Amino acid sequence: MTSGKTQLLQEKKRLLDELGHLTHILHGTWLERHTTCSNPSCRCHVGEKHGPRYYVVINRNGKQRPKYIPKSSVEKARQGIMEYQRLAEIVDRLTEINLALLREGESEQ
């Protein structure tokens, strides 16, 4: 086995191991929203709006759906979105590695 194949297989193993640590994956977009209320005399109509309120926008059946995130869960939700981004990077890199191994005729299990 060539040094290049060995390096690719080692990187592949490392990436596959990393997948097991991505436990809070959220596939969505982060959104912070400031709103006005229905009280016409409220300060939100002339200046500072209410919020921020936090949402993760997900796609369901071809439609975007905002899902409210309570303040107590903001950090975990942000972590989940970052983990999804890392997941996508890992999948892209694994695809590159697997294609390279296929081109070299690697017949691994």
N, C-alpha and C. Protein backbone atom coordinates (compact mmCIF):
# COMPACT_ATOMS: atom_id res chain seq x y z
N MET A 1 0.85 -1.17 0.00
CA MET A 1 0.00 0.00 0.00
C MET A 1 0.89 1.23 0.00
N THR A 2 0.56 2.18 -0.84
CA THR A 2 1.39 3.38 -0.94
C THR A 2 1.15 4.30 0.24
N SER A 3 2.10 5.20 0.43
CA SER A 3 2.01 6.17 1.52
C SER A 3 0.77 7.04 1.36
N GLY A 4 0.43 7.39 0.11
CA GLY A 4 -0.75 8.21 -0.15
C GLY A 4 -2.03 7.51 0.27
N LYS A 5 -2.13 6.21 -0.06
CA LYS A 5 -3.31 5.45 0.34
C LYS A 5 -3.40 5.34 1.85
N THR A 6 -2.25 5.11 2.48
CA THR A 6 -2.22 5.00 3.94
C THR A 6 -2.71 6.29 4.58
N GLN A 7 -2.25 7.41 4.07
CA GLN A 7 -2.68 8.70 4.63
C GLN A 7 -4.17 8.91 4.42
N LEU A 8 -4.67 8.55 3.24
CA LEU A 8 -6.10 8.70 2.97
C LEU A 8 -6.93 7.82 3.91
N LEU A 9 -6.50 6.59 4.11
CA LEU A 9 -7.23 5.68 4.99
C LEU A 9 -7.19 6.16 6.44
N GLN A 10 -6.05 6.71 6.86
CA GLN A 10 -5.96 7.25 8.23
C GLN A 10 -6.88 8.46 8.40
N GLU A 11 -6.89 9.34 7.40
CA GLU A 11 -7.77 10.51 7.47
C GLU A 11 -9.23 10.07 7.47
N LYS A 12 -9.55 9.08 6.66
CA LYS A 12 -10.93 8.57 6.61
C LYS A 12 -11.35 8.03 7.97
N LYS A 13 -10.48 7.27 8.61
CA LYS A 13 -10.79 6.72 9.93
C LYS A 13 -10.99 7.84 10.95
N ARG A 14 -10.13 8.86 10.90
CA ARG A 14 -10.24 9.99 11.83
C ARG A 14 -11.57 10.72 11.64
N LEU A 15 -11.95 10.94 10.38
CA LEU A 15 -13.21 11.64 10.09
C LEU A 15 -14.42 10.81 10.54
N LEU A 16 -14.38 9.50 10.30
CA LEU A 16 -15.48 8.64 10.72
C LEU A 16 -15.59 8.61 12.25
N ASP A 17 -14.46 8.63 12.94
CA ASP A 17 -14.47 8.70 14.40
C ASP A 17 -15.08 10.01 14.88
N GLU A 18 -14.76 11.10 14.19
CA GLU A 18 -15.29 12.42 14.57
C GLU A 18 -16.81 12.47 14.43
N LEU A 19 -17.37 11.75 13.48
CA LEU A 19 -18.82 11.74 13.29
C LEU A 19 -19.55 11.31 14.56
N GLY A 20 -18.97 10.39 15.31
CA GLY A 20 -19.60 9.91 16.53
C GLY A 20 -19.71 10.95 17.62
N HIS A 21 -18.96 12.02 17.50
CA HIS A 21 -18.99 13.08 18.52
C HIS A 21 -19.95 14.20 18.16
N LEU A 22 -20.54 14.14 16.99
CA LEU A 22 -21.51 15.17 16.58
C LEU A 22 -22.90 14.71 17.03
N THR A 23 -23.27 15.08 18.24
CA THR A 23 -24.48 14.52 18.85
C THR A 23 -25.65 15.50 18.94
N HIS A 24 -25.46 16.76 18.58
CA HIS A 24 -26.54 17.75 18.69
C HIS A 24 -26.83 18.40 17.34
N ILE A 25 -26.73 17.64 16.27
CA ILE A 25 -26.84 18.18 14.91
C ILE A 25 -28.22 18.80 14.68
N LEU A 26 -28.21 20.04 14.19
CA LEU A 26 -29.44 20.72 13.76
C LEU A 26 -29.23 21.23 12.34
N HIS A 27 -30.07 20.79 11.43
CA HIS A 27 -29.98 21.24 10.05
C HIS A 27 -30.95 22.40 9.88
N GLY A 28 -30.42 23.61 9.96
CA GLY A 28 -31.26 24.79 9.84
C GLY A 28 -30.42 26.05 9.81
N THR A 29 -31.12 27.18 9.76
CA THR A 29 -30.49 28.49 9.71
C THR A 29 -30.87 29.26 10.97
N TRP A 30 -29.90 29.93 11.56
CA TRP A 30 -30.11 30.70 12.77
C TRP A 30 -30.81 32.02 12.44
N LEU A 31 -31.79 32.39 13.27
CA LEU A 31 -32.52 33.64 13.06
C LEU A 31 -32.78 34.31 14.40
N GLU A 32 -32.47 35.61 14.47
CA GLU A 32 -32.82 36.42 15.64
C GLU A 32 -33.81 37.47 15.16
N ARG A 33 -34.92 37.59 15.86
CA ARG A 33 -35.98 38.48 15.42
C ARG A 33 -36.36 39.45 16.54
N HIS A 34 -36.53 40.72 16.18
CA HIS A 34 -37.04 41.75 17.08
C HIS A 34 -38.43 42.13 16.57
N THR A 35 -39.41 42.21 17.47
CA THR A 35 -40.78 42.40 17.03
C THR A 35 -41.47 43.57 17.74
N THR A 36 -42.60 43.96 17.17
CA THR A 36 -43.48 44.94 17.82
C THR A 36 -44.72 44.20 18.30
N CYS A 37 -45.32 44.72 19.36
CA CYS A 37 -46.50 44.08 19.92
C CYS A 37 -47.77 44.80 19.46
N SER A 38 -48.90 44.36 19.97
CA SER A 38 -50.18 44.95 19.55
C SER A 38 -50.57 46.17 20.38
N ASN A 39 -49.81 46.50 21.41
CA ASN A 39 -50.11 47.66 22.24
C ASN A 39 -49.59 48.92 21.55
N PRO A 40 -50.47 49.80 21.05
CA PRO A 40 -50.01 50.97 20.29
C PRO A 40 -49.21 51.98 21.11
N SER A 41 -49.34 51.96 22.43
CA SER A 41 -48.60 52.91 23.26
C SER A 41 -47.27 52.32 23.77
N CYS A 42 -46.94 51.12 23.36
CA CYS A 42 -45.70 50.48 23.81
C CYS A 42 -44.49 51.12 23.15
N ARG A 43 -43.38 51.10 23.86
CA ARG A 43 -42.12 51.67 23.38
C ARG A 43 -41.64 51.01 22.08
N CYS A 44 -42.09 49.79 21.82
CA CYS A 44 -41.61 49.06 20.64
C CYS A 44 -42.06 49.71 19.34
N HIS A 45 -43.08 50.58 19.40
CA HIS A 45 -43.58 51.22 18.18
C HIS A 45 -42.79 52.47 17.81
N VAL A 46 -42.03 53.00 18.75
CA VAL A 46 -41.27 54.22 18.46
C VAL A 46 -39.76 54.05 18.63
N GLY A 47 -39.35 52.96 19.19
CA GLY A 47 -37.92 52.79 19.43
C GLY A 47 -37.54 51.34 19.54
N GLU A 48 -37.10 50.98 20.72
CA GLU A 48 -36.56 49.64 20.97
C GLU A 48 -37.66 48.57 20.85
N LYS A 49 -37.43 47.62 19.99
CA LYS A 49 -38.40 46.54 19.79
C LYS A 49 -38.17 45.43 20.82
N HIS A 50 -39.16 44.55 20.94
CA HIS A 50 -39.05 43.41 21.85
C HIS A 50 -38.12 42.36 21.24
N GLY A 51 -37.33 41.76 22.08
CA GLY A 51 -36.46 40.69 21.58
C GLY A 51 -35.04 40.88 22.05
N PRO A 52 -34.15 40.15 21.54
CA PRO A 52 -34.35 39.25 20.40
C PRO A 52 -35.05 37.95 20.81
N ARG A 53 -35.75 37.40 19.86
CA ARG A 53 -36.31 36.06 20.00
C ARG A 53 -35.53 35.20 19.01
N TYR A 54 -35.25 33.98 19.42
CA TYR A 54 -34.35 33.12 18.65
C TYR A 54 -35.12 31.98 17.99
N TYR A 55 -34.71 31.69 16.76
CA TYR A 55 -35.36 30.64 15.97
C TYR A 55 -34.30 29.88 15.18
N VAL A 56 -34.62 28.62 14.91
CA VAL A 56 -33.90 27.85 13.90
C VAL A 56 -34.91 27.64 12.78
N VAL A 57 -34.55 28.05 11.58
CA VAL A 57 -35.44 27.89 10.44
C VAL A 57 -35.07 26.60 9.73
N ILE A 58 -36.04 25.69 9.65
CA ILE A 58 -35.80 24.40 9.00
C ILE A 58 -36.69 24.30 7.77
N ASN A 59 -36.30 23.44 6.85
CA ASN A 59 -37.11 23.18 5.65
C ASN A 59 -37.87 21.88 5.86
N ARG A 60 -39.18 21.95 5.74
CA ARG A 60 -40.04 20.78 5.83
C ARG A 60 -40.97 20.77 4.64
N ASN A 61 -40.96 19.71 3.90
CA ASN A 61 -41.85 19.56 2.74
C ASN A 61 -41.76 20.76 1.80
N GLY A 62 -40.55 21.25 1.60
CA GLY A 62 -40.32 22.35 0.68
C GLY A 62 -40.69 23.72 1.22
N LYS A 63 -41.04 23.81 2.50
CA LYS A 63 -41.40 25.10 3.10
C LYS A 63 -40.51 25.38 4.29
N GLN A 64 -40.19 26.65 4.46
CA GLN A 64 -39.37 27.05 5.61
C GLN A 64 -40.26 27.18 6.84
N ARG A 65 -39.79 26.60 7.95
CA ARG A 65 -40.53 26.64 9.21
C ARG A 65 -39.61 27.14 10.32
N PRO A 66 -39.93 28.30 10.91
CA PRO A 66 -39.13 28.75 12.05
C PRO A 66 -39.56 27.99 13.32
N LYS A 67 -38.59 27.53 14.07
CA LYS A 67 -38.86 26.84 15.33
C LYS A 67 -38.25 27.68 16.45
N TYR A 68 -39.09 28.09 17.40
CA TYR A 68 -38.65 28.95 18.49
C TYR A 68 -37.64 28.22 19.38
N ILE A 69 -36.60 28.95 19.78
CA ILE A 69 -35.58 28.41 20.68
C ILE A 69 -35.60 29.26 21.95
N PRO A 70 -35.90 28.68 23.12
CA PRO A 70 -35.87 29.46 24.35
C PRO A 70 -34.44 29.91 24.68
N LYS A 71 -34.33 31.02 25.41
CA LYS A 71 -33.01 31.56 25.75
C LYS A 71 -32.12 30.52 26.41
N SER A 72 -32.71 29.65 27.21
CA SER A 72 -31.92 28.64 27.92
C SER A 72 -31.29 27.62 26.97
N SER A 73 -31.77 27.54 25.74
CA SER A 73 -31.26 26.54 24.78
C SER A 73 -30.50 27.16 23.61
N VAL A 74 -30.24 28.46 23.67
CA VAL A 74 -29.60 29.15 22.55
C VAL A 74 -28.23 28.56 22.23
N GLU A 75 -27.39 28.37 23.24
CA GLU A 75 -26.03 27.87 22.98
C GLU A 75 -26.06 26.47 22.39
N LYS A 76 -26.93 25.61 22.91
CA LYS A 76 -27.02 24.24 22.38
C LYS A 76 -27.52 24.25 20.94
N ALA A 77 -28.46 25.14 20.62
CA ALA A 77 -28.97 25.24 19.25
C ALA A 77 -27.87 25.74 18.31
N ARG A 78 -27.14 26.75 18.74
CA ARG A 78 -26.03 27.24 17.90
C ARG A 78 -24.98 26.15 17.69
N GLN A 79 -24.70 25.40 18.75
CA GLN A 79 -23.75 24.29 18.63
C GLN A 79 -24.27 23.27 17.62
N GLY A 80 -25.56 22.99 17.66
CA GLY A 80 -26.15 22.02 16.73
C GLY A 80 -26.02 22.45 15.28
N ILE A 81 -26.19 23.74 15.02
CA ILE A 81 -26.04 24.25 13.66
C ILE A 81 -24.59 24.15 13.21
N MET A 82 -23.65 24.48 14.12
CA MET A 82 -22.23 24.36 13.78
C MET A 82 -21.86 22.89 13.54
N GLU A 83 -22.45 21.99 14.33
CA GLU A 83 -22.18 20.56 14.13
C GLU A 83 -22.70 20.09 12.77
N TYR A 84 -23.84 20.61 12.35
CA TYR A 84 -24.34 20.24 11.03
C TYR A 84 -23.38 20.72 9.94
N GLN A 85 -22.87 21.94 10.10
CA GLN A 85 -21.92 22.46 9.12
C GLN A 85 -20.67 21.59 9.08
N ARG A 86 -20.21 21.14 10.25
CA ARG A 86 -19.05 20.25 10.30
C ARG A 86 -19.38 18.91 9.65
N LEU A 87 -20.58 18.40 9.88
CA LEU A 87 -21.02 17.16 9.26
C LEU A 87 -20.94 17.26 7.74
N ALA A 88 -21.42 18.37 7.20
CA ALA A 88 -21.38 18.57 5.75
C ALA A 88 -19.94 18.60 5.24
N GLU A 89 -19.04 19.25 5.99
CA GLU A 89 -17.63 19.27 5.61
C GLU A 89 -17.04 17.87 5.62
N ILE A 90 -17.37 17.10 6.65
CA ILE A 90 -16.84 15.73 6.76
C ILE A 90 -17.35 14.87 5.60
N VAL A 91 -18.63 14.97 5.28
CA VAL A 91 -19.19 14.18 4.18
C VAL A 91 -18.52 14.55 2.86
N ASP A 92 -18.30 15.84 2.64
CA ASP A 92 -17.61 16.27 1.41
C ASP A 92 -16.21 15.69 1.35
N ARG A 93 -15.49 15.75 2.46
CA ARG A 93 -14.11 15.23 2.46
C ARG A 93 -14.10 13.71 2.31
N LEU A 94 -15.02 13.02 2.98
CA LEU A 94 -15.09 11.56 2.83
C LEU A 94 -15.38 11.17 1.38
N THR A 95 -16.21 11.94 0.72
CA THR A 95 -16.49 11.69 -0.70
C THR A 95 -15.22 11.82 -1.52
N GLU A 96 -14.45 12.88 -1.28
CA GLU A 96 -13.18 13.06 -1.99
C GLU A 96 -12.23 11.90 -1.73
N ILE A 97 -12.13 11.48 -0.48
CA ILE A 97 -11.23 10.37 -0.12
C ILE A 97 -11.69 9.09 -0.79
N ASN A 98 -12.98 8.78 -0.72
CA ASN A 98 -13.48 7.55 -1.32
C ASN A 98 -13.29 7.53 -2.83
N LEU A 99 -13.49 8.66 -3.47
CA LEU A 99 -13.24 8.73 -4.92
C LEU A 99 -11.77 8.51 -5.24
N ALA A 100 -10.89 9.09 -4.44
CA ALA A 100 -9.45 8.90 -4.65
C ALA A 100 -9.08 7.43 -4.47
N LEU A 101 -9.65 6.79 -3.45
CA LEU A 101 -9.36 5.38 -3.22
C LEU A 101 -9.91 4.51 -4.35
N LEU A 102 -11.08 4.85 -4.86
CA LEU A 102 -11.64 4.11 -5.99
C LEU A 102 -10.76 4.24 -7.23
N ARG A 103 -10.26 5.46 -7.47
CA ARG A 103 -9.39 5.68 -8.63
C ARG A 103 -8.11 4.86 -8.52
N GLU A 104 -7.64 4.68 -7.30
CA GLU A 104 -6.41 3.91 -7.09
C GLU A 104 -6.69 2.42 -7.01
N GLY A 105 -7.95 2.03 -7.12
CA GLY A 105 -8.28 0.61 -7.10
C GLY A 105 -8.25 0.01 -5.71
N GLU A 106 -8.46 0.82 -4.71
CA GLU A 106 -8.45 0.32 -3.33
C GLU A 106 -9.68 -0.53 -3.11
N SER A 107 -9.47 -1.75 -2.70
CA SER A 107 -10.60 -2.62 -2.39
C SER A 107 -10.62 -2.87 -0.89
N GLU A 108 -11.13 -1.88 -0.16
CA GLU A 108 -11.19 -2.04 1.29
C GLU A 108 -12.54 -2.61 1.66
N GLN A 109 -12.65 -3.07 2.85
CA GLN A 109 -13.85 -3.74 3.32
C GLN A 109 -14.97 -2.76 3.51
